[in-house]
């Protein structure tokens, strides 16, 4: 089966964005090879 593209977005605080890392990790652990993920955040370093 071809992996599905998945775009996760989060424009909350940096701590919430950091927790998204764990969510992506867990998604790939539970469904290996099923998703190709990209993450877009609202945080832009100065």
C-alpha atoms as a PDB file:
ATOM      1  CA  UNK A   1       0.000   0.000   0.000  1.00  0.00           C
ATOM      2  CA  UNK A   2       1.287   3.455  -0.915  1.00  0.00           C
ATOM      3  CA  UNK A   3       1.901   5.777   2.110  1.00  0.00           C
ATOM      4  CA  UNK A   4      -0.653   8.545   2.636  1.00  0.00           C
ATOM      5  CA  UNK A   5       0.592  12.126   2.827  1.00  0.00           C
ATOM      6  CA  UNK A   6      -0.304  13.755   6.132  1.00  0.00           C
ATOM      7  CA  UNK A   7       0.248  17.422   6.986  1.00  0.00           C
ATOM      8  CA  UNK A   8       0.020  18.252  10.692  1.00  0.00           C
ATOM      9  CA  UNK A   9      -0.303  21.914  11.623  1.00  0.00           C
ATOM     10  CA  UNK A  10       0.129  23.582  14.989  1.00  0.00           C
ATOM     11  CA  UNK A  11       0.308  27.288  15.744  1.00  0.00           C
ATOM     12  CA  UNK A  12       0.313  27.003  19.525  1.00  0.00           C
ATOM     13  CA  UNK A  13       3.151  27.629  21.961  1.00  0.00           C
ATOM     14  CA  UNK A  14       6.618  26.085  21.421  1.00  0.00           C
ATOM     15  CA  UNK A  15       5.949  23.493  24.139  1.00  0.00           C
ATOM     16  CA  UNK A  16       2.868  22.265  22.303  1.00  0.00           C
ATOM     17  CA  UNK A  17       4.808  22.130  19.057  1.00  0.00           C
ATOM     18  CA  UNK A  18       7.495  20.069  20.815  1.00  0.00           C
ATOM     19  CA  UNK A  19       4.852  17.573  21.975  1.00  0.00           C
ATOM     20  CA  UNK A  20       3.793  17.177  18.358  1.00  0.00           C
ATOM     21  CA  UNK A  21       7.168  15.490  17.833  1.00  0.00           C
ATOM     22  CA  UNK A  22       6.074  12.671  20.143  1.00  0.00           C
ATOM     23  CA  UNK A  23       2.755  12.388  18.328  1.00  0.00           C
ATOM     24  CA  UNK A  24       4.528  11.942  14.988  1.00  0.00           C
ATOM     25  CA  UNK A  25       6.916   9.395  16.534  1.00  0.00           C
ATOM     26  CA  UNK A  26       4.030   7.403  18.007  1.00  0.00           C
ATOM     27  CA  UNK A  27       2.035   7.545  14.770  1.00  0.00           C
ATOM     28  CA  UNK A  28       4.941   6.017  12.860  1.00  0.00           C
ATOM     29  CA  UNK A  29       5.563   3.402  15.553  1.00  0.00           C
ATOM     30  CA  UNK A  30       1.937   2.262  15.454  1.00  0.00           C
ATOM     31  CA  UNK A  31       1.572   2.460  11.650  1.00  0.00           C
ATOM     32  CA  UNK A  32       5.002   1.895  10.082  1.00  0.00           C
ATOM     33  CA  UNK A  33       5.136   2.819   6.417  1.00  0.00           C
ATOM     34  CA  UNK A  34       1.502   3.936   6.301  1.00  0.00           C
ATOM     35  CA  UNK A  35       2.058   7.725   6.436  1.00  0.00           C
ATOM     36  CA  UNK A  36       4.452  10.292   5.032  1.00  0.00           C
ATOM     37  CA  UNK A  37       4.259  13.209   7.437  1.00  0.00           C
ATOM     38  CA  UNK A  38       5.045  16.892   7.237  1.00  0.00           C
ATOM     39  CA  UNK A  39       4.671  19.395  10.063  1.00  0.00           C
ATOM     40  CA  UNK A  40       3.835  23.099   9.722  1.00  0.00           C
ATOM     41  CA  UNK A  41       4.099  25.350  12.755  1.00  0.00           C
ATOM     42  CA  UNK A  42       3.274  28.957  13.417  1.00  0.00           C
ATOM     43  CA  UNK A  43       6.555  29.499  15.249  1.00  0.00           C
ATOM     44  CA  UNK A  44       9.113  31.490  13.287  1.00  0.00           C
ATOM     45  CA  UNK A  45      12.435  32.142  15.055  1.00  0.00           C
ATOM     46  CA  UNK A  46      13.709  35.689  14.828  1.00  0.00           C
END
